Each structure stands twice: as C-alpha cells, then as structure tokens.
Amino acid sequence: MSSKYTAAVVQAAPVLFDLAATLDKTADLVNQAQAKGAKLILFPEAFISAYPRGLSFGTVVGSRHPEGRLLWQRYWESSIAEGDASCLRLGQMAKDANAFLVIGVNEKDTVSGTLYCSMFYFGPNGDFLGKHRKIKPTAQERVIWGEDDGSTLSSFDTAIGKLGGLICWENYMPMARMAMYQRGVQVYLAPTADNRAGWQQTMQHIALEGRCFVLGCNQYVTKAMYPADLPGIQDLENQPAIMASGGSIIVDPLGNVLAEPLWGEEGILTAEIDLDQVIQSKLDFDPIGHYNRSDIFDFKVNRQPPIKVVDQ
C-alpha cells in the first residue's frame, strides 16, 4: 500500500443533458488531473450528465405535464448504465490515467426504467469496481431518482487505502455515515450538489468523526450552460445566473483543510493523502474502536456488502 499519494477533486460542470460531449469533457478533465500526479480522481454528484437544479419535470402534487415527460426522456438519454459503452469508456479513462476514478452519474436501470443517483468506481487497470446508489434522494429529487436498498453501501480495500463514501445529504444521515466508518474507510468520498457555505463544516465534521480524509466535490454551473431547447427551460426564469457556485474541499483526519474551498469557477483541487495520518488520528478517537462502546450500542446495516478487496 502506498502511504502517500496525490488525490484530485474535479469541480466542473458537465455539458448538460449531452452524454457524448460530457464524456469528452470528462476525459479532458481526467487527463488534467493525471498531469497533476493524481492517483485518485473524484468528480461531483450527477456529473454524467446533469444535476437538474431548478427544473420541475412538470410535476406538482396530483398531476404531471407532458413536457415534463419529454424532459425526463432527455435526462434518461443522457444517463448511463453499468457495463454499457459509456461505462466502459470511463474505465478506459481510469486506465489511461493509471488512477482510481470515482464519478457521480445518473444510472439507468434498463430493466425497470428507474434512474438512480450513483457513484461509479473504476480501478487503474480500467476495471469497474462497483457502485453506490443514493439511499435517500432529497425533496424534489425523489421525483427523478429511486432509492437504493442498502446493498450498494459499498467500500473498497485498495492499494491507496480503504475507499468509500456517500452522496450529498446522505452525509447528514448518522447511521449511513456509521455504515462507512464500520468498514474502516480511510478516504471518504462526498460528491454533492450542496453549495452552501455550511457544507464545508459538514466535511470537517465527518473527517473528525470518522478519522478519515474527506474529499468533498461539487459542480460549478451557470444558467447559461442549460440547453436553450430543453423542455421546461422556463422553470429557470427566476433562477440566479450562477446555479451552483462550487465549494469543493479536501480535509485531513484531524479536520484540517488541505485544499481550501473553491468558489465561482471550475478547477481541480489536489492534496497529498498520507495514510499514516489516519493511524495517528486514532490515538484519541476511533468511532469503531475504543470510542465505540459496543457494550451499550448495537449497530447493524441490512444488506450492506463486505468491503471489496481490490488488487490494484
């Protein structure tokens, strides 16, 4: 295992609702991160191919508008499925960069038709390692995304440490966080769409609570980036020019900020991950060890898979 390496957090926007163009942009950004020496590259929530902020999909309680169904189809068509050509291309990007690639995607279940907000993990040899599906979409997100059943609360034991994480407001769910901690996650990945200033405190809290490195990753998106011909585009009339201002961050296991939050632009943050610091941080706190009090508390997660050992 490498004790020290460079991790990169990519703050950018996809080419909204355009799968092919988004994949091209992703490849360019992966190359840029690789040029910075990154061995782990994280992209934001729903990077492929949109976090549809501000759009209603023509829904109100009790009715749906046909225009919203057309928007849903457009969204579906810009999404990907595990093992499809787009997924394989992402694996090739990871292989070309010789890095672990973790990316937020809209994942389509081609059997059921449901979309999930997911994180896809790829190894440096190009293998698809696994995924995590969001277990609880927030508010209006529940119109467009299904819920996972806990069977993809995944984690991975790799050559660069134990990787795992949660998406956006899942990180406010104490038991979901504990599900990650109990797998011994050392590098905790938190792609999000939350660009409020308070989010950085959440990232620092998780680092301190979990005694792990935390990579928080968000998009930078403007209203002008939305396609003019998008069904339901009129929903954005009263939205601000900057739809998501970023705020990506990297934090060490003692809550120290290694890469300051980036606001108001696209960019790639990097920081050195030193896994020895994870060990050192356990001196005075360990949520699954000497601070666990298993004689008082009994914690169980239904259907959570064991940590996957990755020989890469």
Protein backbone atom coordinates (compact mmCIF):
# COMPACT_ATOMS: atom_id res chain seq x y z
CA MET A 1 0.00 0.00 0.00
CA SER A 2 1.23 3.50 -0.85
CA SER A 3 1.29 5.62 2.31
CA LYS A 4 1.43 8.90 0.40
CA TYR A 5 -0.10 9.93 -2.92
CA THR A 6 -1.95 12.79 -4.61
CA ALA A 7 -5.75 12.95 -4.72
CA ALA A 8 -7.69 15.28 -7.01
CA VAL A 9 -11.18 16.75 -6.74
CA VAL A 10 -12.66 17.99 -10.02
CA GLN A 11 -15.00 20.98 -9.73
CA ALA A 12 -16.68 21.45 -13.08
CA ALA A 13 -19.97 21.20 -14.93
CA PRO A 14 -20.90 18.57 -17.48
CA VAL A 15 -22.19 19.53 -20.88
CA LEU A 16 -25.68 19.45 -19.50
CA PHE A 17 -28.01 16.75 -20.90
CA ASP A 18 -25.40 15.81 -23.55
CA LEU A 19 -23.83 12.43 -22.82
CA ALA A 20 -21.31 12.32 -25.66
CA ALA A 21 -19.99 15.82 -25.03
CA THR A 22 -19.88 15.22 -21.28
CA LEU A 23 -17.78 12.10 -21.76
CA ASP A 24 -15.37 14.09 -23.94
CA LYS A 25 -15.10 16.77 -21.25
CA THR A 26 -14.64 14.12 -18.56
CA ALA A 27 -11.74 12.60 -20.48
CA ASP A 28 -10.06 16.00 -20.74
CA LEU A 29 -10.51 16.67 -17.03
CA VAL A 30 -9.16 13.23 -16.10
CA ASN A 31 -6.09 13.98 -18.22
CA GLN A 32 -5.64 17.29 -16.42
CA ALA A 33 -5.86 15.59 -13.03
CA GLN A 34 -3.42 12.91 -14.15
CA ALA A 35 -0.98 15.64 -15.20
CA LYS A 36 -1.11 16.89 -11.60
CA GLY A 37 0.02 13.46 -10.43
CA ALA A 38 -3.35 12.28 -9.12
CA LYS A 39 -3.76 8.62 -8.22
CA LEU A 40 -7.35 9.17 -7.07
CA ILE A 41 -9.74 11.41 -9.04
CA LEU A 42 -13.20 12.36 -7.78
CA PHE A 43 -15.98 14.01 -9.80
CA PRO A 44 -19.18 15.63 -8.43
CA GLU A 45 -22.65 14.20 -7.90
CA ALA A 46 -24.59 13.52 -11.12
CA PHE A 47 -21.73 14.74 -13.29
CA ILE A 48 -22.99 12.49 -16.06
CA SER A 49 -24.83 14.25 -17.38
CA ALA A 50 -26.60 16.80 -15.19
CA TYR A 51 -27.79 17.67 -11.73
CA PRO A 52 -31.06 19.24 -12.96
CA ARG A 53 -31.17 22.09 -10.47
CA GLY A 54 -34.19 24.36 -10.87
CA LEU A 55 -36.24 22.04 -13.09
CA SER A 56 -39.64 20.72 -12.01
CA PHE A 57 -40.10 17.94 -14.60
CA GLY A 58 -43.65 19.23 -14.94
CA THR A 59 -44.72 17.83 -11.61
CA VAL A 60 -46.99 19.10 -8.88
CA VAL A 61 -48.88 17.08 -6.31
CA GLY A 62 -51.58 15.19 -8.18
CA SER A 63 -50.50 15.78 -11.80
CA ARG A 64 -47.70 15.53 -14.34
CA HIS A 65 -47.30 17.61 -17.50
CA PRO A 66 -46.38 16.01 -20.87
CA GLU A 67 -43.49 18.48 -21.20
CA GLY A 68 -42.03 17.03 -18.02
CA ARG A 69 -42.11 13.56 -19.53
CA LEU A 70 -40.16 14.85 -22.54
CA LEU A 71 -37.59 16.34 -20.16
CA TRP A 72 -37.41 13.03 -18.32
CA GLN A 73 -36.69 11.26 -21.62
CA ARG A 74 -33.92 13.76 -22.39
CA TYR A 75 -32.48 13.14 -18.92
CA TRP A 76 -32.69 9.37 -19.37
CA GLU A 77 -30.89 9.55 -22.70
CA SER A 78 -28.00 11.48 -21.15
CA SER A 79 -27.59 8.88 -18.38
CA ILE A 80 -25.55 5.67 -18.34
CA ALA A 81 -25.89 2.05 -17.24
CA GLU A 82 -23.42 -0.26 -15.56
CA GLY A 83 -21.44 -2.08 -18.24
CA ASP A 84 -22.63 -0.04 -21.23
CA ALA A 85 -20.33 1.65 -23.75
CA SER A 86 -20.18 4.88 -21.73
CA CYS A 87 -19.28 2.95 -18.57
CA LEU A 88 -16.53 1.12 -20.45
CA ARG A 89 -15.19 4.43 -21.72
CA LEU A 90 -14.93 5.73 -18.17
CA GLY A 91 -12.95 2.63 -17.28
CA GLN A 92 -10.60 3.34 -20.15
CA MET A 93 -10.10 6.88 -18.85
CA ALA A 94 -9.05 5.46 -15.48
CA LYS A 95 -6.69 3.04 -17.17
CA ASP A 96 -5.14 5.74 -19.34
CA ALA A 97 -4.58 7.90 -16.25
CA ASN A 98 -3.37 4.92 -14.16
CA ALA A 99 -5.60 6.20 -11.38
CA PHE A 100 -8.69 5.32 -9.39
CA LEU A 101 -11.64 7.23 -10.83
CA VAL A 102 -14.83 7.85 -8.85
CA ILE A 103 -17.61 9.76 -10.58
CA GLY A 104 -21.18 10.77 -9.89
CA VAL A 105 -23.57 9.50 -12.55
CA ASN A 106 -27.24 9.26 -13.32
CA GLU A 107 -27.51 5.50 -13.55
CA LYS A 108 -30.35 3.99 -15.55
CA ASP A 109 -31.73 0.57 -14.79
CA THR A 110 -32.51 -0.61 -18.30
CA VAL A 111 -34.85 -3.34 -16.99
CA SER A 112 -37.02 -1.35 -14.58
CA GLY A 113 -36.62 2.07 -16.18
CA THR A 114 -35.71 3.74 -12.87
CA LEU A 115 -32.90 6.28 -12.59
CA TYR A 116 -30.54 6.28 -9.61
CA CYS A 117 -28.10 8.89 -8.38
CA SER A 118 -24.93 6.80 -8.17
CA MET A 119 -21.18 6.82 -7.68
CA PHE A 120 -19.23 4.58 -10.05
CA TYR A 121 -15.77 3.32 -9.01
CA PHE A 122 -13.06 2.37 -11.51
CA GLY A 123 -9.59 0.97 -10.89
CA PRO A 124 -6.32 2.00 -12.55
CA ASN A 125 -6.44 -1.07 -14.77
CA GLY A 126 -9.80 0.09 -16.13
CA ASP A 127 -11.99 -2.35 -14.18
CA PHE A 128 -15.42 -1.33 -12.96
CA LEU A 129 -15.02 -1.96 -9.22
CA GLY A 130 -18.55 -1.27 -8.06
CA LYS A 131 -21.03 1.46 -7.23
CA HIS A 132 -23.05 3.20 -4.59
CA ARG A 133 -26.64 4.27 -5.21
CA LYS A 134 -28.06 7.11 -3.10
CA ILE A 135 -30.28 5.62 -0.41
CA LYS A 136 -32.43 8.73 0.10
CA PRO A 137 -32.90 11.39 -2.58
CA THR A 138 -33.82 14.74 -1.04
CA ALA A 139 -37.10 16.59 -1.62
CA GLN A 140 -37.86 17.04 -5.35
CA GLU A 141 -35.02 14.64 -6.21
CA ARG A 142 -37.47 11.87 -5.29
CA VAL A 143 -39.38 12.62 -8.50
CA ILE A 144 -36.42 11.65 -10.66
CA TRP A 145 -34.36 9.14 -8.63
CA GLY A 146 -35.17 5.84 -6.98
CA GLU A 147 -33.88 4.74 -3.57
CA ASP A 148 -31.23 2.09 -3.00
CA ASP A 149 -31.93 -0.78 -0.59
CA GLY A 150 -28.57 -0.62 1.19
CA SER A 151 -26.93 -3.31 -0.92
CA THR A 152 -24.66 -0.72 -2.54
CA LEU A 153 -23.31 0.87 0.65
CA SER A 154 -20.01 -0.17 -0.89
CA SER A 155 -16.40 0.21 0.18
CA PHE A 156 -13.12 -0.90 -1.36
CA ASP A 157 -9.79 -2.00 0.12
CA THR A 158 -7.25 -0.79 -2.44
CA ALA A 159 -3.56 -0.08 -2.85
CA ILE A 160 -4.25 3.57 -1.94
CA GLY A 161 -6.33 2.83 1.15
CA LYS A 162 -9.88 1.89 2.01
CA LEU A 163 -12.25 3.96 -0.13
CA GLY A 164 -15.95 4.64 0.35
CA GLY A 165 -18.42 7.43 0.80
CA LEU A 166 -21.89 8.87 0.46
CA ILE A 167 -23.67 11.29 -1.86
CA CYS A 168 -24.82 14.77 -0.84
CA TRP A 169 -27.34 14.78 2.03
CA GLU A 170 -26.76 11.10 2.77
CA ASN A 171 -23.83 12.62 4.66
CA TYR A 172 -26.34 14.10 7.12
CA MET A 173 -27.56 10.57 7.98
CA PRO A 174 -25.63 9.42 11.08
CA MET A 175 -26.31 5.73 10.52
CA ALA A 176 -25.28 5.92 6.86
CA ARG A 177 -22.00 7.53 7.93
CA MET A 178 -21.51 4.82 10.53
CA ALA A 179 -22.03 2.22 7.83
CA MET A 180 -18.96 3.66 6.10
CA TYR A 181 -16.94 4.01 9.28
CA GLN A 182 -17.53 0.39 10.31
CA ARG A 183 -15.84 -0.71 7.07
CA GLY A 184 -12.70 1.17 8.13
CA VAL A 185 -12.89 3.76 5.34
CA GLN A 186 -9.72 5.85 5.28
CA VAL A 187 -10.53 8.08 2.31
CA TYR A 188 -14.16 9.18 2.41
CA LEU A 189 -15.65 10.50 -0.84
CA ALA A 190 -18.51 13.00 -0.73
CA PRO A 191 -19.73 14.20 -4.13
CA THR A 192 -22.54 16.71 -3.65
CA ALA A 193 -24.80 19.37 -5.14
CA ASP A 194 -24.85 21.41 -1.90
CA ASN A 195 -23.02 24.69 -2.41
CA ARG A 196 -23.93 26.36 0.86
CA ALA A 197 -21.04 27.61 2.98
CA GLY A 198 -22.08 25.30 5.83
CA TRP A 199 -21.25 22.24 3.76
CA GLN A 200 -17.54 22.67 4.47
CA GLN A 201 -18.22 22.32 8.19
CA THR A 202 -20.00 19.05 7.45
CA MET A 203 -16.93 17.81 5.60
CA GLN A 204 -14.70 18.76 8.53
CA HIS A 205 -17.07 17.10 10.99
CA ILE A 206 -17.02 13.83 9.02
CA ALA A 207 -13.22 13.90 8.91
CA LEU A 208 -13.06 14.37 12.68
CA GLU A 209 -15.83 11.88 13.41
CA GLY A 210 -14.62 9.19 11.03
CA ARG A 211 -10.90 9.88 11.46
CA CYS A 212 -10.50 9.78 7.72
CA PHE A 213 -9.55 12.00 4.81
CA VAL A 214 -12.62 13.59 3.25
CA LEU A 215 -12.90 14.71 -0.37
CA GLY A 216 -15.90 16.98 -0.94
CA CYS A 217 -16.72 17.63 -4.59
CA ASN A 218 -19.32 19.90 -6.20
CA GLN A 219 -20.11 21.35 -9.61
CA TYR A 220 -19.75 24.91 -10.82
CA VAL A 221 -22.79 25.57 -13.06
CA THR A 222 -24.31 28.68 -14.63
CA LYS A 223 -27.81 29.11 -16.02
CA ALA A 224 -26.30 29.85 -19.44
CA MET A 225 -25.00 26.26 -19.56
CA TYR A 226 -28.51 24.81 -19.84
CA PRO A 227 -29.58 23.93 -23.40
CA ALA A 228 -31.95 26.56 -24.79
CA ASP A 229 -34.19 23.86 -26.31
CA LEU A 230 -34.59 21.94 -23.05
CA PRO A 231 -38.23 21.06 -22.27
CA GLY A 232 -39.27 23.01 -19.19
CA ILE A 233 -36.45 25.55 -19.54
CA GLN A 234 -38.93 28.26 -18.48
CA ASP A 235 -38.59 26.89 -14.92
CA LEU A 236 -35.25 28.69 -14.77
CA GLU A 237 -36.57 32.19 -15.47
CA ASN A 238 -36.30 33.29 -11.84
CA GLN A 239 -33.16 31.33 -11.04
CA PRO A 240 -29.82 33.12 -10.45
CA ALA A 241 -27.14 33.33 -13.13
CA ILE A 242 -24.87 31.08 -11.09
CA MET A 243 -26.80 27.92 -10.32
CA ALA A 244 -24.06 26.15 -8.34
CA SER A 245 -21.02 28.04 -7.09
CA GLY A 246 -18.84 25.08 -6.08
CA GLY A 247 -17.18 24.81 -2.68
CA SER A 248 -15.14 21.65 -3.24
CA ILE A 249 -12.70 20.88 -0.40
CA ILE A 250 -10.19 18.31 0.91
CA VAL A 251 -9.83 17.70 4.67
CA ASP A 252 -7.43 15.55 6.71
CA PRO A 253 -8.38 13.14 9.55
CA LEU A 254 -7.96 15.84 12.21
CA GLY A 255 -10.27 18.26 10.41
CA ASN A 256 -7.52 20.39 8.90
CA VAL A 257 -8.32 21.82 5.46
CA LEU A 258 -5.70 20.66 2.94
CA ALA A 259 -7.30 22.29 -0.11
CA GLU A 260 -9.33 25.43 0.54
CA PRO A 261 -12.89 25.56 -0.86
CA LEU A 262 -13.00 26.66 -4.49
CA TRP A 263 -15.80 29.10 -5.34
CA GLY A 264 -17.12 30.69 -8.52
CA GLU A 265 -15.11 28.78 -11.11
CA GLU A 266 -14.16 25.41 -12.48
CA GLY A 267 -10.89 23.93 -11.28
CA ILE A 268 -9.07 20.89 -9.93
CA LEU A 269 -8.03 20.75 -6.27
CA THR A 270 -5.21 18.43 -5.20
CA ALA A 271 -3.76 17.38 -1.87
CA GLU A 272 -1.37 14.79 -0.52
CA ILE A 273 -3.03 11.85 1.17
CA ASP A 274 -0.80 10.35 3.87
CA LEU A 275 -2.47 7.22 5.25
CA ASP A 276 -0.15 7.26 8.26
CA GLN A 277 -2.16 10.28 9.45
CA VAL A 278 -5.25 8.06 9.67
CA ILE A 279 -3.42 5.78 12.08
CA GLN A 280 -2.09 8.73 14.09
CA SER A 281 -5.57 10.25 14.38
CA LYS A 282 -6.88 7.13 16.16
CA LEU A 283 -4.81 7.89 19.26
CA ASP A 284 -7.63 9.81 20.91
CA PHE A 285 -10.76 8.87 18.94
CA ASP A 286 -11.94 5.89 16.91
CA PRO A 287 -15.68 5.59 16.12
CA ILE A 288 -15.50 1.83 15.54
CA GLY A 289 -12.82 1.02 18.14
CA HIS A 290 -12.06 2.37 21.58
CA TYR A 291 -14.82 5.03 21.32
CA ASN A 292 -17.43 2.62 20.03
CA ARG A 293 -18.96 1.30 23.29
CA SER A 294 -20.37 -1.85 21.75
CA ASP A 295 -21.45 -2.89 25.25
CA ILE A 296 -24.06 -0.11 25.01
CA PHE A 297 -24.80 0.23 21.30
CA ASP A 298 -25.65 -2.43 18.74
CA PHE A 299 -25.32 -1.30 15.13
CA LYS A 300 -26.46 -3.35 12.14
CA VAL A 301 -26.94 -2.48 8.48
CA ASN A 302 -29.27 -4.64 6.39
CA ARG A 303 -27.77 -5.89 3.11
CA GLN A 304 -24.53 -3.87 3.31
CA PRO A 305 -21.86 -5.73 1.30
CA PRO A 306 -18.49 -6.61 2.86
CA ILE A 307 -15.56 -4.43 1.89
CA LYS A 308 -14.29 -5.43 -1.54
CA VAL A 309 -10.58 -6.19 -1.75
CA VAL A 310 -9.12 -4.72 -4.93
CA ASP A 311 -5.74 -5.99 -6.10
CA GLN A 312 -4.75 -2.75 -7.82
